[in-house]
C-alpha cells in the first residue's frame, strides 16, 4: 500500500521478537523479488487529524 503523504509503500508483518527492534533493516520477498524494509515503532501513523 502506498502512503497518502509520501510516495512510498508501507506494510505490516509479523516478525520474530528478536528482529522487532526499531531501525532494524530486514529483507522482504514480494512476488519473488527481495526488497529492503525498516522496522519502525508504532504508531507509524498519527490519527489525530480530523478528516
PDB file of N, CA and C in Angstrom:
ATOM      1  N   UNK A   1       0.841  -1.173   0.000  1.00  0.00           N
ATOM      2  CA  UNK A   1       0.000   0.000   0.000  1.00  0.00           C
ATOM      3  C   UNK A   1       0.884   1.233   0.000  1.00  0.00           C
ATOM      4  N   UNK A   2       0.544   2.228  -0.813  1.00  0.00           N
ATOM      5  CA  UNK A   2       1.281   3.488  -0.804  1.00  0.00           C
ATOM      6  C   UNK A   2       0.708   4.407   0.265  1.00  0.00           C
ATOM      7  N   UNK A   3       1.564   5.205   0.865  1.00  0.00           N
ATOM      8  CA  UNK A   3       1.105   6.155   1.866  1.00  0.00           C
ATOM      9  C   UNK A   3       0.425   7.327   1.174  1.00  0.00           C
ATOM     10  N   UNK A   4      -0.536   7.968   1.816  1.00  0.00           N
ATOM     11  CA  UNK A   4      -1.182   9.119   1.195  1.00  0.00           C
ATOM     12  C   UNK A   4      -0.303  10.369   1.195  1.00  0.00           C
ATOM     13  N   UNK A   5       0.696  10.415   2.066  1.00  0.00           N
ATOM     14  CA  UNK A   5       1.529  11.606   2.184  1.00  0.00           C
ATOM     15  C   UNK A   5       2.898  11.482   1.536  1.00  0.00           C
ATOM     16  N   UNK A   6       3.354  10.269   1.327  1.00  0.00           N
ATOM     17  CA  UNK A   6       4.676  10.055   0.734  1.00  0.00           C
ATOM     18  C   UNK A   6       4.557   8.986  -0.338  1.00  0.00           C
ATOM     19  N   UNK A   7       5.317   9.116  -1.408  1.00  0.00           N
ATOM     20  CA  UNK A   7       5.242   8.099  -2.473  1.00  0.00           C
ATOM     21  C   UNK A   7       6.071   6.860  -2.127  1.00  0.00           C
ATOM     22  N   UNK A   8       5.771   6.271  -0.978  1.00  0.00           N
ATOM     23  CA  UNK A   8       6.496   5.089  -0.528  1.00  0.00           C
ATOM     24  C   UNK A   8       5.503   4.020  -0.109  1.00  0.00           C
ATOM     25  N   UNK A   9       5.830   2.765  -0.366  1.00  0.00           N
ATOM     26  CA  UNK A   9       4.949   1.698   0.097  1.00  0.00           C
ATOM     27  C   UNK A   9       5.102   1.469   1.597  1.00  0.00           C
ATOM     28  N   UNK A  10       4.016   1.053   2.229  1.00  0.00           N
ATOM     29  CA  UNK A  10       4.056   0.654   3.634  1.00  0.00           C
ATOM     30  C   UNK A  10       3.377  -0.702   3.755  1.00  0.00           C
ATOM     31  N   UNK A  11       3.658  -1.384   4.817  1.00  0.00           N
ATOM     32  CA  UNK A  11       3.016  -2.669   5.046  1.00  0.00           C
ATOM     33  C   UNK A  11       3.181  -3.069   6.490  1.00  0.00           C
ATOM     34  N   UNK A  12       2.469  -4.094   6.872  1.00  0.00           N
ATOM     35  CA  UNK A  12       2.611  -4.651   8.207  1.00  0.00           C
ATOM     36  C   UNK A  12       2.958  -6.124   8.072  1.00  0.00           C
ATOM     37  N   UNK A  13       3.673  -6.619   9.051  1.00  0.00           N
ATOM     38  CA  UNK A  13       4.083  -8.022   9.012  1.00  0.00           C
ATOM     39  C   UNK A  13       4.307  -8.513  10.431  1.00  0.00           C
ATOM     40  N   UNK A  14       4.181  -9.807  10.619  1.00  0.00           N
ATOM     41  CA  UNK A  14       4.550 -10.445  11.876  1.00  0.00           C
ATOM     42  C   UNK A  14       5.988 -10.917  11.729  1.00  0.00           C
ATOM     43  N   UNK A  15       6.847 -10.482  12.656  1.00  0.00           N
ATOM     44  CA  UNK A  15       8.249 -10.894  12.625  1.00  0.00           C
ATOM     45  C   UNK A  15       8.642 -11.411  14.004  1.00  0.00           C
ATOM     46  N   UNK A  16       9.722 -12.156  14.039  1.00  0.00           N
ATOM     47  CA  UNK A  16      10.204 -12.696  15.314  1.00  0.00           C
ATOM     48  C   UNK A  16      10.538 -11.553  16.273  1.00  0.00           C
ATOM     49  N   UNK A  17      10.253 -11.714  17.560  1.00  0.00           N
ATOM     50  CA  UNK A  17      10.529 -10.659  18.534  1.00  0.00           C
ATOM     51  C   UNK A  17      11.986 -10.203  18.549  1.00  0.00           C
ATOM     52  N   UNK A  18      12.937 -11.109  18.312  1.00  0.00           N
ATOM     53  CA  UNK A  18      14.347 -10.710  18.338  1.00  0.00           C
ATOM     54  C   UNK A  18      14.712  -9.827  17.144  1.00  0.00           C
ATOM     55  N   UNK A  19      13.871  -9.773  16.124  1.00  0.00           N
ATOM     56  CA  UNK A  19      14.115  -8.911  14.964  1.00  0.00           C
ATOM     57  C   UNK A  19      13.268  -7.645  15.003  1.00  0.00           C
ATOM     58  N   UNK A  20      12.388  -7.532  15.988  1.00  0.00           N
ATOM     59  CA  UNK A  20      11.422  -6.438  16.027  1.00  0.00           C
ATOM     60  C   UNK A  20      11.940  -5.218  16.775  1.00  0.00           C
ATOM     61  N   UNK A  21      13.114  -4.746  16.415  1.00  0.00           N
ATOM     62  CA  UNK A  21      13.682  -3.556  17.039  1.00  0.00           C
ATOM     63  C   UNK A  21      13.628  -2.407  16.042  1.00  0.00           C
ATOM     64  N   UNK A  22      13.116  -1.248  16.480  1.00  0.00           N
ATOM     65  CA  UNK A  22      13.015  -0.090  15.591  1.00  0.00           C
ATOM     66  C   UNK A  22      14.381   0.224  14.993  1.00  0.00           C
ATOM     67  N   UNK A  23      14.399   0.471  13.698  1.00  0.00           N
ATOM     68  CA  UNK A  23      15.636   0.760  12.993  1.00  0.00           C
ATOM     69  C   UNK A  23      16.258  -0.451  12.323  1.00  0.00           C
ATOM     70  N   UNK A  24      15.840  -1.644  12.713  1.00  0.00           N
ATOM     71  CA  UNK A  24      16.365  -2.876  12.117  1.00  0.00           C
ATOM     72  C   UNK A  24      15.983  -2.936  10.640  1.00  0.00           C
ATOM     73  N   UNK A  25      16.929  -3.266   9.781  1.00  0.00           N
ATOM     74  CA  UNK A  25      16.662  -3.422   8.351  1.00  0.00           C
ATOM     75  C   UNK A  25      16.493  -4.909   8.053  1.00  0.00           C
ATOM     76  N   UNK A  26      15.385  -5.248   7.421  1.00  0.00           N
ATOM     77  CA  UNK A  26      15.080  -6.626   7.051  1.00  0.00           C
ATOM     78  C   UNK A  26      14.944  -6.723   5.539  1.00  0.00           C
ATOM     79  N   UNK A  27      14.955  -7.924   5.029  1.00  0.00           N
ATOM     80  CA  UNK A  27      14.739  -8.168   3.606  1.00  0.00           C
ATOM     81  C   UNK A  27      13.403  -8.880   3.448  1.00  0.00           C
ATOM     82  N   UNK A  28      12.513  -8.291   2.651  1.00  0.00           N
ATOM     83  CA  UNK A  28      11.197  -8.879   2.408  1.00  0.00           C
ATOM     84  C   UNK A  28      11.130  -9.417   0.993  1.00  0.00           C
ATOM     85  N   UNK A  29      10.430 -10.520   0.828  1.00  0.00           N
ATOM     86  CA  UNK A  29      10.229 -11.061  -0.511  1.00  0.00           C
ATOM     87  C   UNK A  29       8.780 -10.829  -0.916  1.00  0.00           C
ATOM     88  N   UNK A  30       8.594 -10.133  -2.032  1.00  0.00           N
ATOM     89  CA  UNK A  30       7.265  -9.832  -2.561  1.00  0.00           C
ATOM     90  C   UNK A  30       7.226 -10.276  -4.014  1.00  0.00           C
ATOM     91  N   UNK A  31       6.365 -11.226  -4.308  1.00  0.00           N
ATOM     92  CA  UNK A  31       6.211 -11.758  -5.664  1.00  0.00           C
ATOM     93  C   UNK A  31       7.547 -12.182  -6.271  1.00  0.00           C
ATOM     94  N   UNK A  32       8.367 -12.847  -5.459  1.00  0.00           N
ATOM     95  CA  UNK A  32       9.633 -13.387  -5.937  1.00  0.00           C
ATOM     96  C   UNK A  32      10.787 -12.401  -5.997  1.00  0.00           C
ATOM     97  N   UNK A  33      10.577 -11.157  -5.588  1.00  0.00           N
ATOM     98  CA  UNK A  33      11.632 -10.139  -5.611  1.00  0.00           C
ATOM     99  C   UNK A  33      11.886  -9.659  -4.185  1.00  0.00           C
ATOM    100  N   UNK A  34      13.160  -9.441  -3.834  1.00  0.00           N
ATOM    101  CA  UNK A  34      13.518  -9.007  -2.477  1.00  0.00           C
ATOM    102  C   UNK A  34      13.628  -7.486  -2.393  1.00  0.00           C
ATOM    103  N   UNK A  35      13.144  -6.957  -1.260  1.00  0.00           N
ATOM    104  CA  UNK A  35      13.164  -5.518  -1.007  1.00  0.00           C
ATOM    105  C   UNK A  35      13.658  -5.267   0.411  1.00  0.00           C
ATOM    106  N   UNK A  36      14.421  -4.177   0.632  1.00  0.00           N
ATOM    107  CA  UNK A  36      14.800  -3.826   1.998  1.00  0.00           C
ATOM    108  C   UNK A  36      13.602  -3.193   2.711  1.00  0.00           C
ATOM    109  N   UNK A  37      13.491  -3.436   4.007  1.00  0.00           N
ATOM    110  CA  UNK A  37      12.415  -2.856   4.805  1.00  0.00           C
ATOM    111  C   UNK A  37      12.965  -2.479   6.170  1.00  0.00           C
ATOM    112  N   UNK A  38      12.478  -1.391   6.721  1.00  0.00           N
ATOM    113  CA  UNK A  38      12.920  -0.931   8.034  1.00  0.00           C
ATOM    114  C   UNK A  38      11.807  -1.138   9.052  1.00  0.00           C
ATOM    115  N   UNK A  39      12.167  -1.675  10.202  1.00  0.00           N
ATOM    116  CA  UNK A  39      11.218  -1.830  11.300  1.00  0.00           C
ATOM    117  C   UNK A  39      11.058  -0.464  11.958  1.00  0.00           C
ATOM    118  N   UNK A  40       9.819  -0.023  12.135  1.00  0.00           N
ATOM    119  CA  UNK A  40       9.543   1.245  12.812  1.00  0.00           C
ATOM    120  C   UNK A  40       8.639   0.975  14.003  1.00  0.00           C
ATOM    121  N   UNK A  41       8.693   1.864  14.986  1.00  0.00           N
ATOM    122  CA  UNK A  41       7.839   1.692  16.159  1.00  0.00           C
ATOM    123  C   UNK A  41       6.430   2.184  15.842  1.00  0.00           C
ATOM    124  N   UNK A  42       5.468   1.611  16.510  1.00  0.00           N
ATOM    125  CA  UNK A  42       4.072   2.022  16.325  1.00  0.00           C
ATOM    126  C   UNK A  42       3.767   3.213  17.208  1.00  0.00           C
ATOM    127  N   UNK A  43       2.870   4.071  16.829  1.00  0.00           N
ATOM    128  CA  UNK A  43       2.193   4.048  15.544  1.00  0.00           C
ATOM    129  C   UNK A  43       3.019   4.780  14.495  1.00  0.00           C
ATOM    130  N   UNK A  44       3.085   4.237  13.281  1.00  0.00           N
ATOM    131  CA  UNK A  44       3.755   4.941  12.194  1.00  0.00           C
ATOM    132  C   UNK A  44       2.807   5.967  11.592  1.00  0.00           C
ATOM    133  N   UNK A  45       1.560   5.979  12.074  1.00  0.00           N
ATOM    134  CA  UNK A  45       0.551   6.938  11.638  1.00  0.00           C
ATOM    135  C   UNK A  45      -0.058   7.565  12.880  1.00  0.00           C
ATOM    136  N   UNK A  46      -0.161   8.888  12.887  1.00  0.00           N
ATOM    137  CA  UNK A  46      -0.813   9.574  13.995  1.00  0.00           C
ATOM    138  C   UNK A  46      -2.212   9.976  13.534  1.00  0.00           C
ATOM    139  N   UNK A  47      -3.215   9.396  14.132  1.00  0.00           N
ATOM    140  CA  UNK A  47      -4.583   9.615  13.698  1.00  0.00           C
ATOM    141  C   UNK A  47      -5.273  10.789  14.359  1.00  0.00           C
ATOM    142  N   UNK A  48      -4.541  11.800  14.778  1.00  0.00           N
ATOM    143  CA  UNK A  48      -5.146  12.918  15.489  1.00  0.00           C
ATOM    144  C   UNK A  48      -5.857  13.901  14.563  1.00  0.00           C
ATOM    145  N   UNK A  49      -5.576  13.835  13.275  1.00  0.00           N
ATOM    146  CA  UNK A  49      -6.239  14.745  12.335  1.00  0.00           C
ATOM    147  C   UNK A  49      -7.683  14.332  12.116  1.00  0.00           C
ATOM    148  N   UNK A  50      -8.563  15.305  12.063  1.00  0.00           N
ATOM    149  CA  UNK A  50      -9.962  15.034  11.739  1.00  0.00           C
ATOM    150  C   UNK A  50     -10.110  15.102  10.240  1.00  0.00           C
ATOM    151  N   UNK A  51     -10.788  14.120   9.674  1.00  0.00           N
ATOM    152  CA  UNK A  51     -10.959  14.094   8.221  1.00  0.00           C
ATOM    153  C   UNK A  51     -12.304  14.618   7.832  1.00  0.00           C
TER     154      UNK A  51
END
